[in-house]
Amino acid sequence: MAVKAESIAPGWELSQLLDIFPLPIRQALVRLPNLESIIEVVLDLGRPPEARFEHDFVYLSDTSVTNEDIAHVSSRISPFGADNRAGIEQTLHRISAIRNRTGKIVGLTCRVGRAVYGTIDIVLDVLRSGQSICLLGRPGVGKTTMLRECARILSEERKRVVIVDSSNEIAGDSDIPHPGIGTARRMQVADPALQHAVMIEAVENHMPQVIVIDEIGTEAEAVAARTIAERGVTLIGTAHGQTLENLLMNPTLSDLVGGISAVTLSDEEARRRGTRKTVLERKAPPTFDVVVEIIDRDRLAIHKNVGEVVDALLRGYQPQPEIRQRTATGQVAIVQEAVPESMPQIAEAYGEDHHEVEEGEKPISIFPYGVSRNKIERAVHNLRIHATIARAWDEADVVLTLKTLERKQQPKLKQIASDNVPIYSIKTNTTTQIQTALRDVFHLGAIDNEEIALRETEEAIYQVMLTNKAIELSPQTSYVRRQQHQLAEKYRVQSRSTGLEPNRRVRIFKSE
């Protein structure tokens, strides 16, 4: 019997999920002391059933899952769609199938869906600004939950909101949408490949003020998103990627943030800018005005004025977003103010100090071994040097690697060294240290060590704020270390000196 949306009790949806399992598995789930925090139940043929939590999992039985168990679950849910997803009537739960080569189901992932209210409070002012917002983050971090809450808030503020729900994950698996979307309307998608067409149909047929869309992942969907934005409709969506830079470097989705094009400058313009003749520039206005990187459920990085941020990235700057955090008391604190061009790279700071290229000179080929290709490309751009990235070490003039890999005496590095290919090693995978190494390669000469150290500190602080992982800086004098500690204090992160002279260095980390 269908249950009216307004009468759904908090524990009703979880009990609906438990009811689809065979009795032994259901009983094992009910006995779990932390059942309320369960994320998903996994049934794989020939293996014990699992209950998964955010950082752990437990086996529910010593008995392996059988074909009968999988058939039992499949018979109690809606039919699987073209995306191999199904659901349970009037709930947000999602059941995904794994099939063998003949199409038979051999595994099920039963993900627990919850409408969590209040998750959007941390960016409520941005949501109410009327700007188009893209939410980014790793799988399971809460993007869809936040998207659902955005739809509810805007619809209850008398906005005409339409959700394009490709897998019924936002509004539930039934013809009556889940109450978690408020008064927003929902359009279901018969086939995931048609999502872009439904997006356009929503705008043409239903006059929305806001379109909500989950998982923009194809070029057709990116084009549809741009069409929607150009018609003056606010777009709230998620996309495949964890950071704005991921999105920019993704050729399929980069159009969402303006895209990249190579522009050839005149000789006069190249001299005026102090760059090479071919430069990267943003080719169009971004589809989304704001990009929100969900670091975890209580911490976000917000890039406002996405066009300016992308321009800064393409000029070799390291943008510093606004970082907000929900405290233990539920209050929202801004732990880092936004500075779109907070980290100008060293080559630009020192004007004309760059590698002069003779006509016909062959570029130096660099092979990255354990070092970020994107960061090498940015360092090459910043220093304005004549270099390319090699696809294999035996095609390279220089190999750039990390000291940790070099210390382990990797067999590959031994082979490279035996073939007389120069190996340059850096301590950490940062643009600053890569630039320092490349200055050595191109004999650009030394620059002020204090300036390098402070740039490295700023970049490390940004990474620590985003990833919550500690970073050790290069060894410095006591005077420079004092400045690094002051910089860390300014951005409200922790710092500590470690090691013995002359290798004493600063470690940047978040408070535990």
Foldseek 3Di string as FASTA:
>chain_A
DDDDQVPDDQCNQVVLLLVQFPPLLSVLLVPDPPNVQWFKWKAAAPAFIWTDGPVDIDGSDPDHHHPVRVVSNCVQWDHQAPQQWTFHPQALWIKHFDADPVRHTRMIIIGHADQDEPLCVLPVVVLVVLFAEEEAADPPQQLLSNLLNSQQVCVVVVFAEEEEAARCNNFGHDPDGRCSNPPHHYDYDRHSVCSLVVLQVCCVPPPGQEYEYEEPEFLSNLVSLLVCLVVNHHYYYYYYHQDLVRQQPDQGRVQQLQHKDWAAADPVVCVVVVAHRIFIARHGHHSGQKYWRRLHSFKIFIDGRSRLLVRLVRQLADWFTFMWGQDPVRDIDGLAHTDSRPQQDDLVVVPNLAFDDDPPDAAAEEEEDQADPVLLVSLCRSRNGRYYYDPDLVVGQEYEYAVVVVVVVPVVVVVSVVVVRHYHHFHDRHSLRSNVSVCVVRVSDDDDPLVSQVSQLVRQLSVCSRNQDKDWGFFDDPVSQVVSQVVLVVSPWHKDWDDDPPGITIMTGHDD
